[in-house]
Amino acid sequence: MRCLKRYVAGEVYRLIVDPPVVPAFDDLRPLQNSKRLTMKAVAEHFETNQMKVSTIERGKSRDDGFAVKYREFLLHAA
């Protein structure tokens, strides 16, 4: 049990000292608006709900894989 606690403490310490890079999300909503896409259209494209798209855009939740796919979709949208 002591070894497990030491391991967990070491992992938490590494995350505090050297936090992982968080991808930017502040370009998603302006990019969506510039392409004149509705949040409903984006949600339907990704087969998810509008709330997920909204929370990702506002930075209220984090899903790096979705954010990358979303950005690529917006950059290639007509």
N, C-alpha and C. Protein backbone atom coordinates (compact mmCIF):
# COMPACT_ATOMS: atom_id res chain seq x y z
N MET A 1 0.83 -1.18 0.00
CA MET A 1 0.00 0.00 0.00
C MET A 1 0.88 1.25 0.00
N ARG A 2 1.96 1.21 0.74
CA ARG A 2 2.87 2.35 0.81
C ARG A 2 3.49 2.63 -0.56
N CYS A 3 3.84 1.58 -1.29
CA CYS A 3 4.42 1.74 -2.63
C CYS A 3 3.42 2.38 -3.59
N LEU A 4 2.18 1.97 -3.48
CA LEU A 4 1.14 2.53 -4.33
C LEU A 4 0.95 4.02 -4.04
N LYS A 5 0.92 4.38 -2.77
CA LYS A 5 0.79 5.79 -2.40
C LYS A 5 1.97 6.60 -2.92
N ARG A 6 3.17 6.06 -2.81
CA ARG A 6 4.36 6.75 -3.29
C ARG A 6 4.29 6.95 -4.81
N TYR A 7 3.82 5.92 -5.52
CA TYR A 7 3.69 6.01 -6.98
C TYR A 7 2.68 7.09 -7.36
N VAL A 8 1.53 7.09 -6.72
CA VAL A 8 0.49 8.08 -7.02
C VAL A 8 1.00 9.49 -6.69
N ALA A 9 1.65 9.65 -5.57
CA ALA A 9 2.19 10.95 -5.20
C ALA A 9 3.22 11.43 -6.23
N GLY A 10 4.04 10.51 -6.72
CA GLY A 10 5.03 10.87 -7.75
C GLY A 10 4.36 11.32 -9.05
N GLU A 11 3.30 10.63 -9.45
CA GLU A 11 2.58 11.01 -10.68
C GLU A 11 1.93 12.37 -10.53
N VAL A 12 1.29 12.61 -9.40
CA VAL A 12 0.64 13.91 -9.15
C VAL A 12 1.69 15.01 -9.11
N TYR A 13 2.81 14.76 -8.47
CA TYR A 13 3.87 15.76 -8.40
C TYR A 13 4.39 16.12 -9.80
N ARG A 14 4.59 15.11 -10.65
CA ARG A 14 5.06 15.39 -12.02
C ARG A 14 4.05 16.24 -12.79
N LEU A 15 2.77 15.99 -12.60
CA LEU A 15 1.75 16.78 -13.28
C LEU A 15 1.71 18.22 -12.77
N ILE A 16 1.99 18.41 -11.50
CA ILE A 16 2.00 19.76 -10.94
C ILE A 16 3.23 20.52 -11.42
N VAL A 17 4.38 19.88 -11.39
CA VAL A 17 5.63 20.54 -11.77
C VAL A 17 5.70 20.77 -13.28
N ASP A 18 5.29 19.80 -14.06
CA ASP A 18 5.38 19.91 -15.52
C ASP A 18 4.02 19.53 -16.12
N PRO A 19 3.05 20.46 -16.08
CA PRO A 19 1.71 20.13 -16.58
C PRO A 19 1.71 19.91 -18.09
N PRO A 20 0.83 19.04 -18.56
CA PRO A 20 0.75 18.78 -20.00
C PRO A 20 0.22 20.01 -20.73
N VAL A 21 0.61 20.14 -21.98
CA VAL A 21 0.16 21.26 -22.79
C VAL A 21 -1.31 21.05 -23.16
N VAL A 22 -2.09 22.08 -22.92
CA VAL A 22 -3.51 22.02 -23.26
C VAL A 22 -3.70 22.71 -24.60
N PRO A 23 -4.28 22.01 -25.58
CA PRO A 23 -4.47 22.64 -26.88
C PRO A 23 -5.43 23.83 -26.78
N ALA A 24 -5.21 24.81 -27.62
CA ALA A 24 -6.06 25.99 -27.64
C ALA A 24 -7.43 25.63 -28.19
N PHE A 25 -8.44 26.28 -27.68
CA PHE A 25 -9.79 26.05 -28.15
C PHE A 25 -10.47 27.36 -28.54
N ASP A 26 -9.82 28.49 -28.28
CA ASP A 26 -10.45 29.79 -28.47
C ASP A 26 -10.67 30.16 -29.93
N ASP A 27 -10.16 29.39 -30.86
CA ASP A 27 -10.37 29.68 -32.28
C ASP A 27 -11.57 28.94 -32.87
N LEU A 28 -12.14 28.02 -32.12
CA LEU A 28 -13.19 27.18 -32.68
C LEU A 28 -14.49 27.94 -32.95
N ARG A 29 -14.97 28.70 -31.98
CA ARG A 29 -16.24 29.40 -32.18
C ARG A 29 -16.14 30.48 -33.25
N PRO A 30 -15.08 31.32 -33.26
CA PRO A 30 -14.98 32.30 -34.36
C PRO A 30 -14.85 31.64 -35.73
N LEU A 31 -14.16 30.52 -35.79
CA LEU A 31 -14.01 29.81 -37.06
C LEU A 31 -15.36 29.24 -37.50
N GLN A 32 -16.11 28.71 -36.56
CA GLN A 32 -17.45 28.19 -36.87
C GLN A 32 -18.34 29.31 -37.39
N ASN A 33 -18.30 30.47 -36.74
CA ASN A 33 -19.13 31.60 -37.17
C ASN A 33 -18.69 32.12 -38.53
N SER A 34 -17.39 32.13 -38.80
CA SER A 34 -16.91 32.63 -40.08
C SER A 34 -17.33 31.72 -41.24
N LYS A 35 -17.50 30.43 -40.95
CA LYS A 35 -17.95 29.48 -41.97
C LYS A 35 -19.48 29.44 -42.06
N ARG A 36 -20.14 30.22 -41.20
CA ARG A 36 -21.61 30.30 -41.16
C ARG A 36 -22.26 28.93 -40.93
N LEU A 37 -21.66 28.18 -40.01
CA LEU A 37 -22.20 26.88 -39.63
C LEU A 37 -22.93 27.02 -38.30
N THR A 38 -24.05 26.37 -38.19
CA THR A 38 -24.75 26.36 -36.92
C THR A 38 -24.17 25.26 -36.03
N MET A 39 -24.40 25.42 -34.74
CA MET A 39 -23.92 24.40 -33.81
C MET A 39 -24.66 23.09 -34.06
N LYS A 40 -25.92 23.20 -34.48
CA LYS A 40 -26.70 22.01 -34.78
C LYS A 40 -26.08 21.24 -35.95
N ALA A 41 -25.64 21.95 -36.99
CA ALA A 41 -25.02 21.31 -38.15
C ALA A 41 -23.72 20.61 -37.75
N VAL A 42 -22.95 21.26 -36.91
CA VAL A 42 -21.69 20.67 -36.45
C VAL A 42 -21.97 19.42 -35.63
N ALA A 43 -22.93 19.51 -34.72
CA ALA A 43 -23.27 18.37 -33.87
C ALA A 43 -23.78 17.20 -34.71
N GLU A 44 -24.57 17.49 -35.72
CA GLU A 44 -25.07 16.42 -36.59
C GLU A 44 -23.93 15.78 -37.39
N HIS A 45 -22.98 16.59 -37.83
CA HIS A 45 -21.84 16.04 -38.58
C HIS A 45 -21.05 15.05 -37.72
N PHE A 46 -20.84 15.40 -36.46
CA PHE A 46 -20.06 14.54 -35.57
C PHE A 46 -20.92 13.53 -34.82
N GLU A 47 -22.22 13.52 -35.10
CA GLU A 47 -23.15 12.60 -34.45
C GLU A 47 -23.05 12.69 -32.93
N THR A 48 -23.14 13.92 -32.44
CA THR A 48 -23.11 14.17 -31.01
C THR A 48 -24.17 15.23 -30.71
N ASN A 49 -24.25 15.65 -29.47
CA ASN A 49 -25.23 16.67 -29.14
C ASN A 49 -24.60 18.06 -29.14
N GLN A 50 -25.44 19.07 -29.22
CA GLN A 50 -24.97 20.44 -29.30
C GLN A 50 -24.26 20.88 -28.02
N MET A 51 -24.65 20.31 -26.90
CA MET A 51 -24.04 20.68 -25.62
C MET A 51 -22.55 20.32 -25.61
N LYS A 52 -22.18 19.19 -26.18
CA LYS A 52 -20.77 18.80 -26.22
C LYS A 52 -19.98 19.80 -27.05
N VAL A 53 -20.52 20.17 -28.20
CA VAL A 53 -19.83 21.14 -29.06
C VAL A 53 -19.68 22.47 -28.31
N SER A 54 -20.72 22.90 -27.65
CA SER A 54 -20.69 24.17 -26.93
C SER A 54 -19.68 24.16 -25.79
N THR A 55 -19.67 23.09 -25.01
CA THR A 55 -18.74 23.04 -23.87
C THR A 55 -17.29 22.97 -24.33
N ILE A 56 -17.04 22.31 -25.46
CA ILE A 56 -15.68 22.26 -26.00
C ILE A 56 -15.27 23.65 -26.47
N GLU A 57 -16.16 24.34 -27.17
CA GLU A 57 -15.85 25.68 -27.68
C GLU A 57 -15.58 26.67 -26.56
N ARG A 58 -16.32 26.56 -25.48
CA ARG A 58 -16.17 27.50 -24.36
C ARG A 58 -15.07 27.09 -23.39
N GLY A 59 -14.49 25.92 -23.59
CA GLY A 59 -13.42 25.47 -22.71
C GLY A 59 -13.93 24.94 -21.38
N LYS A 60 -15.19 24.58 -21.31
CA LYS A 60 -15.77 24.07 -20.07
C LYS A 60 -15.50 22.58 -19.89
N SER A 61 -15.24 21.88 -20.98
CA SER A 61 -14.82 20.49 -20.89
C SER A 61 -13.71 20.28 -21.90
N ARG A 62 -13.03 19.18 -21.76
CA ARG A 62 -11.85 18.94 -22.59
C ARG A 62 -11.95 17.58 -23.26
N ASP A 63 -11.81 17.60 -24.56
CA ASP A 63 -11.75 16.39 -25.36
C ASP A 63 -10.82 16.72 -26.52
N ASP A 64 -9.54 16.48 -26.32
CA ASP A 64 -8.53 16.90 -27.29
C ASP A 64 -8.74 16.27 -28.66
N GLY A 65 -9.11 15.00 -28.70
CA GLY A 65 -9.33 14.33 -29.97
C GLY A 65 -10.48 14.97 -30.74
N PHE A 66 -11.57 15.27 -30.03
CA PHE A 66 -12.71 15.92 -30.67
C PHE A 66 -12.34 17.31 -31.15
N ALA A 67 -11.60 18.06 -30.33
CA ALA A 67 -11.22 19.43 -30.70
C ALA A 67 -10.36 19.43 -31.97
N VAL A 68 -9.46 18.47 -32.09
CA VAL A 68 -8.62 18.39 -33.29
C VAL A 68 -9.47 18.07 -34.51
N LYS A 69 -10.37 17.10 -34.39
CA LYS A 69 -11.26 16.75 -35.51
C LYS A 69 -12.17 17.91 -35.87
N TYR A 70 -12.66 18.61 -34.87
CA TYR A 70 -13.55 19.75 -35.08
C TYR A 70 -12.82 20.86 -35.83
N ARG A 71 -11.59 21.15 -35.40
CA ARG A 71 -10.80 22.19 -36.07
C ARG A 71 -10.53 21.82 -37.52
N GLU A 72 -10.16 20.58 -37.78
CA GLU A 72 -9.91 20.13 -39.16
C GLU A 72 -11.18 20.25 -40.00
N PHE A 73 -12.31 19.88 -39.43
CA PHE A 73 -13.59 20.00 -40.14
C PHE A 73 -13.86 21.45 -40.49
N LEU A 74 -13.64 22.34 -39.55
CA LEU A 74 -13.89 23.76 -39.80
C LEU A 74 -12.94 24.34 -40.83
N LEU A 75 -11.70 23.94 -40.81
CA LEU A 75 -10.73 24.47 -41.75
C LEU A 75 -11.01 24.01 -43.18
N HIS A 76 -11.60 22.81 -43.32
CA HIS A 76 -11.86 22.28 -44.66
C HIS A 76 -13.30 22.50 -45.11
N ALA A 77 -14.13 23.09 -44.24
CA ALA A 77 -15.53 23.32 -44.62
C ALA A 77 -15.61 24.44 -45.65
N ALA A 78 -16.58 24.32 -46.52
CA ALA A 78 -16.74 25.31 -47.59
C ALA A 78 -17.30 26.57 -47.10
